[in-house]
Amino acid sequence: MSETAPVPPGPPGAVPHIPRPRRPVPSGPDLYDWAVEIPEWRRSPAAPPALAGLPELLAVPGGAPGERLRLTVRGRVVAVSLLCALATGALSLLFMTSAAAGASGPGAAAGAFFGTTAPPTVVVQDGDTLWEIAERVRPDDDTRRTVHEIVELNGLAGTELEPGQELRVPGV
C-alpha cells in the first residue's frame, strides 16, 4: 500500500484544503498579454514599425471599402442634436440681424433697437387735468400711479397745467 499525506484536522464533514500549485509571475513590463485576451488587438505582420503598437483599424467589422456607413441609435441622436443646434444658431442670428436692420431703417428712431427712444408726449388742451390725461394714456392701469409717473417724468411742482404744454407720459 502507498502512503497518503496526512490530512490536517478540521471540523467533521469539512472538505480538506488542498493547496494549488502557483503560476510563475512573469518578469518585466508585460504582466498581462492583451493579444491573447482581446484578439482584435493582435498585431498584423504588415504594420509599419511606427504603427506597430496601434490596433488594426481594417479589422473592425463594417470597414470594407464598398460597404455603406450605418448609424447606431446613439449616432442618429447625436446627428439630429447637432443639426438642431446649428439650425437654432442660424435662426437666432437671422432674427437678431433682421431686428437690427428693421430698427435702423429709414423711418426708425436712432435708438429704437436698444430701447433708448424718448417717451411719448401729450399736448395739454384747454380744461385737461392730470387725472384725465392719465386715464387716456393707460385706461386699464391704476390712475393714481400713472399721475405720479407723469409728475415725476416732467418734474411738475403742482397740478396746474397750461394749454399747449407738452407733457412726457409713461409708455404703455
C-alpha atoms as a PDB file:
ATOM      1  CA  MET A   1       0.000   0.000   0.000  1.00  0.00           C
ATOM      2  CA  SER A   2       1.057   3.550  -0.642  1.00  0.00           C
ATOM      3  CA  GLU A   3       1.209   6.140   1.976  1.00  0.00           C
ATOM      4  CA  THR A   4      -1.029   9.235   1.709  1.00  0.00           C
ATOM      5  CA  ALA A   5      -0.293  12.647   3.049  1.00  0.00           C
ATOM      6  CA  PRO A   6      -1.785  13.361   6.431  1.00  0.00           C
ATOM      7  CA  VAL A   7      -4.992  15.457   6.320  1.00  0.00           C
ATOM      8  CA  PRO A   8      -4.956  18.374   8.724  1.00  0.00           C
ATOM      9  CA  PRO A   9      -7.634  18.182  11.363  1.00  0.00           C
ATOM     10  CA  GLY A  10     -10.764  20.250  10.780  1.00  0.00           C
ATOM     11  CA  PRO A  11     -14.421  20.258  11.629  1.00  0.00           C
ATOM     12  CA  PRO A  12     -16.161  16.993  10.832  1.00  0.00           C
ATOM     13  CA  GLY A  13     -17.669  16.905   7.324  1.00  0.00           C
ATOM     14  CA  ALA A  14     -15.500  19.783   6.023  1.00  0.00           C
ATOM     15  CA  VAL A  15     -13.649  19.435   2.739  1.00  0.00           C
ATOM     16  CA  PRO A  16      -9.916  19.458   3.370  1.00  0.00           C
ATOM     17  CA  HIS A  17      -7.936  22.334   1.824  1.00  0.00           C
ATOM     18  CA  ILE A  18      -5.569  21.130  -0.850  1.00  0.00           C
ATOM     19  CA  PRO A  19      -3.002  23.720  -1.888  1.00  0.00           C
ATOM     20  CA  ARG A  20      -2.882  24.503  -5.619  1.00  0.00           C
ATOM     21  CA  PRO A  21       0.361  24.986  -7.448  1.00  0.00           C
ATOM     22  CA  ARG A  22       1.120  28.649  -8.075  1.00  0.00           C
ATOM     23  CA  ARG A  23       1.727  30.004 -11.550  1.00  0.00           C
ATOM     24  CA  PRO A  24       5.021  31.729 -12.045  1.00  0.00           C
ATOM     25  CA  VAL A  25       4.754  35.550 -12.117  1.00  0.00           C
ATOM     26  CA  PRO A  26       6.171  36.893 -15.388  1.00  0.00           C
ATOM     27  CA  SER A  27       9.026  39.300 -15.004  1.00  0.00           C
ATOM     28  CA  GLY A  28       9.269  42.513 -16.989  1.00  0.00           C
ATOM     29  CA  PRO A  29       6.707  45.027 -18.244  1.00  0.00           C
ATOM     30  CA  ASP A  30       4.263  42.520 -19.814  1.00  0.00           C
ATOM     31  CA  LEU A  31       2.187  41.440 -16.833  1.00  0.00           C
ATOM     32  CA  TYR A  32      -0.913  40.842 -18.967  1.00  0.00           C
ATOM     33  CA  ASP A  33      -0.970  39.549 -22.536  1.00  0.00           C
ATOM     34  CA  TRP A  34      -3.610  41.709 -24.218  1.00  0.00           C
ATOM     35  CA  ALA A  35      -3.213  39.990 -27.587  1.00  0.00           C
ATOM     36  CA  VAL A  36      -4.357  36.694 -26.070  1.00  0.00           C
ATOM     37  CA  GLU A  37      -7.321  38.140 -24.179  1.00  0.00           C
ATOM     38  CA  ILE A  38      -8.505  40.597 -26.863  1.00  0.00           C
ATOM     39  CA  PRO A  39      -7.984  39.047 -30.314  1.00  0.00           C
ATOM     40  CA  GLU A  40      -8.723  42.343 -32.141  1.00  0.00           C
ATOM     41  CA  TRP A  41      -5.536  43.747 -30.622  1.00  0.00           C
ATOM     42  CA  ARG A  42      -3.234  41.253 -32.255  1.00  0.00           C
ATOM     43  CA  ARG A  43      -0.570  42.974 -34.281  1.00  0.00           C
ATOM     44  CA  SER A  44      -0.740  42.468 -38.007  1.00  0.00           C
ATOM     45  CA  PRO A  45       2.526  41.358 -39.557  1.00  0.00           C
ATOM     46  CA  ALA A  46       2.428  44.063 -42.253  1.00  0.00           C
ATOM     47  CA  ALA A  47       2.106  47.022 -39.888  1.00  0.00           C
ATOM     48  CA  PRO A  48       4.826  49.685 -40.204  1.00  0.00           C
ATOM     49  CA  PRO A  49       7.102  49.983 -37.182  1.00  0.00           C
ATOM     50  CA  ALA A  50       5.677  53.409 -36.189  1.00  0.00           C
ATOM     51  CA  LEU A  51       2.136  51.975 -36.060  1.00  0.00           C
ATOM     52  CA  ALA A  52       3.016  48.592 -34.623  1.00  0.00           C
ATOM     53  CA  GLY A  53       1.570  49.398 -31.182  1.00  0.00           C
ATOM     54  CA  LEU A  54      -1.835  50.524 -32.504  1.00  0.00           C
ATOM     55  CA  PRO A  55      -4.795  48.192 -33.063  1.00  0.00           C
ATOM     56  CA  GLU A  56      -5.546  47.212 -36.635  1.00  0.00           C
ATOM     57  CA  LEU A  57      -8.270  49.537 -37.956  1.00  0.00           C
ATOM     58  CA  LEU A  58      -9.199  47.499 -41.008  1.00  0.00           C
ATOM     59  CA  ALA A  59     -10.072  44.529 -38.787  1.00  0.00           C
ATOM     60  CA  VAL A  60     -13.116  46.393 -37.444  1.00  0.00           C
ATOM     61  CA  PRO A  61     -16.363  44.913 -38.848  1.00  0.00           C
ATOM     62  CA  GLY A  62     -18.107  47.127 -41.388  1.00  0.00           C
ATOM     63  CA  GLY A  63     -14.880  48.718 -42.572  1.00  0.00           C
ATOM     64  CA  ALA A  64     -14.990  47.286 -46.093  1.00  0.00           C
ATOM     65  CA  PRO A  65     -14.433  49.894 -48.817  1.00  0.00           C
ATOM     66  CA  GLY A  66     -17.736  49.353 -50.691  1.00  0.00           C
ATOM     67  CA  GLU A  67     -19.958  48.969 -47.639  1.00  0.00           C
ATOM     68  CA  ARG A  68     -22.427  51.720 -46.697  1.00  0.00           C
ATOM     69  CA  LEU A  69     -21.971  53.521 -43.363  1.00  0.00           C
ATOM     70  CA  ARG A  70     -24.642  52.696 -40.788  1.00  0.00           C
ATOM     71  CA  LEU A  71     -25.511  54.910 -37.843  1.00  0.00           C
ATOM     72  CA  THR A  72     -26.477  53.486 -34.492  1.00  0.00           C
ATOM     73  CA  VAL A  73     -29.307  54.951 -32.449  1.00  0.00           C
ATOM     74  CA  ARG A  74     -26.783  56.993 -30.450  1.00  0.00           C
ATOM     75  CA  GLY A  75     -25.213  58.233 -33.688  1.00  0.00           C
ATOM     76  CA  ARG A  76     -28.600  59.321 -35.018  1.00  0.00           C
ATOM     77  CA  VAL A  77     -29.392  61.159 -31.780  1.00  0.00           C
ATOM     78  CA  VAL A  78     -26.048  62.972 -31.925  1.00  0.00           C
ATOM     79  CA  ALA A  79     -26.515  63.865 -35.599  1.00  0.00           C
ATOM     80  CA  VAL A  80     -30.049  65.201 -35.045  1.00  0.00           C
ATOM     81  CA  SER A  81     -28.914  67.153 -31.958  1.00  0.00           C
ATOM     82  CA  LEU A  82     -26.086  68.783 -33.906  1.00  0.00           C
ATOM     83  CA  LEU A  83     -28.423  69.704 -36.755  1.00  0.00           C
ATOM     84  CA  CYS A  84     -30.931  71.222 -34.297  1.00  0.00           C
ATOM     85  CA  ALA A  85     -28.186  73.226 -32.587  1.00  0.00           C
ATOM     86  CA  LEU A  86     -26.934  74.548 -35.934  1.00  0.00           C
ATOM     87  CA  ALA A  87     -30.469  75.437 -37.040  1.00  0.00           C
ATOM     88  CA  THR A  88     -31.164  77.228 -33.740  1.00  0.00           C
ATOM     89  CA  GLY A  89     -27.948  79.222 -34.038  1.00  0.00           C
ATOM     90  CA  ALA A  90     -28.672  80.161 -37.652  1.00  0.00           C
ATOM     91  CA  LEU A  91     -32.236  81.263 -36.866  1.00  0.00           C
ATOM     92  CA  SER A  92     -31.078  83.281 -33.854  1.00  0.00           C
ATOM     93  CA  LEU A  93     -28.501  85.049 -35.972  1.00  0.00           C
ATOM     94  CA  LEU A  94     -31.113  85.695 -38.672  1.00  0.00           C
ATOM     95  CA  PHE A  95     -33.627  87.156 -36.207  1.00  0.00           C
ATOM     96  CA  MET A  96     -31.046  89.358 -34.493  1.00  0.00           C
ATOM     97  CA  THR A  97     -29.739  90.783 -37.757  1.00  0.00           C
ATOM     98  CA  SER A  98     -33.244  91.349 -39.151  1.00  0.00           C
ATOM     99  CA  ALA A  99     -34.307  93.078 -35.926  1.00  0.00           C
ATOM    100  CA  ALA A 100     -31.228  95.281 -36.040  1.00  0.00           C
ATOM    101  CA  ALA A 101     -31.805  96.084 -39.713  1.00  0.00           C
ATOM    102  CA  GLY A 102     -35.501  96.835 -39.124  1.00  0.00           C
ATOM    103  CA  ALA A 103     -34.766  99.106 -36.170  1.00  0.00           C
ATOM    104  CA  SER A 104     -32.212 101.095 -38.121  1.00  0.00           C
ATOM    105  CA  GLY A 105     -34.393 101.562 -41.198  1.00  0.00           C
ATOM    106  CA  PRO A 106     -35.017 104.979 -42.736  1.00  0.00           C
ATOM    107  CA  GLY A 107     -38.201 105.667 -40.730  1.00  0.00           C
ATOM    108  CA  ALA A 108     -36.993 104.319 -37.387  1.00  0.00           C
ATOM    109  CA  ALA A 109     -35.670 106.317 -34.476  1.00  0.00           C
ATOM    110  CA  ALA A 110     -31.924 106.187 -33.876  1.00  0.00           C
ATOM    111  CA  GLY A 111     -32.093 104.213 -30.632  1.00  0.00           C
ATOM    112  CA  ALA A 112     -35.128 102.035 -31.403  1.00  0.00           C
ATOM    113  CA  PHE A 113     -33.155  98.778 -31.357  1.00  0.00           C
ATOM    114  CA  PHE A 114     -31.573  99.456 -27.985  1.00  0.00           C
ATOM    115  CA  GLY A 115     -34.703 100.758 -26.230  1.00  0.00           C
ATOM    116  CA  THR A 116     -33.438 104.322 -25.798  1.00  0.00           C
ATOM    117  CA  THR A 117     -36.346 106.050 -27.510  1.00  0.00           C
ATOM    118  CA  ALA A 118     -37.882 109.096 -25.889  1.00  0.00           C
ATOM    119  CA  PRO A 119     -41.159 108.524 -24.017  1.00  0.00           C
ATOM    120  CA  PRO A 120     -44.337 109.567 -25.845  1.00  0.00           C
ATOM    121  CA  THR A 121     -45.681 113.057 -25.312  1.00  0.00           C
ATOM    122  CA  VAL A 122     -49.150 114.640 -24.990  1.00  0.00           C
ATOM    123  CA  VAL A 123     -50.057 118.250 -25.696  1.00  0.00           C
ATOM    124  CA  VAL A 124     -52.323 119.706 -22.981  1.00  0.00           C
ATOM    125  CA  GLN A 125     -55.659 121.042 -24.254  1.00  0.00           C
ATOM    126  CA  ASP A 126     -57.792 123.636 -22.522  1.00  0.00           C
ATOM    127  CA  GLY A 127     -59.519 122.044 -19.494  1.00  0.00           C
ATOM    128  CA  ASP A 128     -57.304 118.941 -19.317  1.00  0.00           C
ATOM    129  CA  THR A 129     -56.275 117.636 -15.909  1.00  0.00           C
ATOM    130  CA  LEU A 130     -53.518 115.200 -14.931  1.00  0.00           C
ATOM    131  CA  TRP A 131     -56.183 112.666 -13.977  1.00  0.00           C
ATOM    132  CA  GLU A 132     -57.859 112.795 -17.425  1.00  0.00           C
ATOM    133  CA  ILE A 133     -54.509 112.537 -19.209  1.00  0.00           C
ATOM    134  CA  ALA A 134     -53.518 109.546 -17.062  1.00  0.00           C
ATOM    135  CA  GLU A 135     -56.828 107.818 -17.848  1.00  0.00           C
ATOM    136  CA  ARG A 136     -56.324 108.404 -21.599  1.00  0.00           C
ATOM    137  CA  VAL A 137     -52.737 107.140 -21.583  1.00  0.00           C
ATOM    138  CA  ARG A 138     -53.366 103.981 -19.529  1.00  0.00           C
ATOM    139  CA  PRO A 139     -57.087 103.231 -19.311  1.00  0.00           C
ATOM    140  CA  ASP A 140     -56.636  99.791 -17.704  1.00  0.00           C
ATOM    141  CA  ASP A 141     -53.958 100.784 -15.181  1.00  0.00           C
ATOM    142  CA  ASP A 142     -54.180 102.423 -11.751  1.00  0.00           C
ATOM    143  CA  THR A 143     -54.758 106.115 -12.470  1.00  0.00           C
ATOM    144  CA  ARG A 144     -53.050 107.299  -9.276  1.00  0.00           C
ATOM    145  CA  ARG A 145     -49.810 105.558 -10.208  1.00  0.00           C
ATOM    146  CA  THR A 146     -49.933 106.953 -13.768  1.00  0.00           C
ATOM    147  CA  VAL A 147     -50.469 110.509 -12.435  1.00  0.00           C
ATOM    148  CA  HIS A 148     -47.473 110.052 -10.122  1.00  0.00           C
ATOM    149  CA  GLU A 149     -45.302 108.865 -13.052  1.00  0.00           C
ATOM    150  CA  ILE A 150     -46.359 111.852 -15.214  1.00  0.00           C
ATOM    151  CA  VAL A 151     -45.461 114.254 -12.388  1.00  0.00           C
ATOM    152  CA  GLU A 152     -42.038 112.604 -11.937  1.00  0.00           C
ATOM    153  CA  LEU A 153     -41.260 112.451 -15.673  1.00  0.00           C
ATOM    154  CA  ASN A 154     -41.986 116.138 -16.163  1.00  0.00           C
ATOM    155  CA  GLY A 155     -40.713 117.455 -12.823  1.00  0.00           C
ATOM    156  CA  LEU A 156     -44.015 119.195 -12.037  1.00  0.00           C
ATOM    157  CA  ALA A 157     -44.293 121.063  -8.733  1.00  0.00           C
ATOM    158  CA  GLY A 158     -48.094 121.224  -8.728  1.00  0.00           C
ATOM    159  CA  THR A 159     -51.167 120.141 -10.642  1.00  0.00           C
ATOM    160  CA  GLU A 160     -51.601 123.306 -12.725  1.00  0.00           C
ATOM    161  CA  LEU A 161     -51.311 122.726 -16.482  1.00  0.00           C
ATOM    162  CA  GLU A 162     -51.106 125.323 -19.279  1.00  0.00           C
ATOM    163  CA  PRO A 163     -52.886 124.727 -22.621  1.00  0.00           C
ATOM    164  CA  GLY A 164     -50.265 123.848 -25.283  1.00  0.00           C
ATOM    165  CA  GLN A 165     -47.862 122.483 -22.679  1.00  0.00           C
ATOM    166  CA  GLU A 166     -46.113 119.288 -23.828  1.00  0.00           C
ATOM    167  CA  LEU A 167     -46.020 116.512 -21.197  1.00  0.00           C
ATOM    168  CA  ARG A 168     -43.984 113.351 -21.387  1.00  0.00           C
ATOM    169  CA  VAL A 169     -46.160 110.367 -20.463  1.00  0.00           C
ATOM    170  CA  PRO A 170     -45.050 106.881 -19.392  1.00  0.00           C
ATOM    171  CA  GLY A 171     -45.024 104.152 -22.024  1.00  0.00           C
ATOM    172  CA  VAL A 172     -47.915 101.782 -22.241  1.00  0.00           C
END
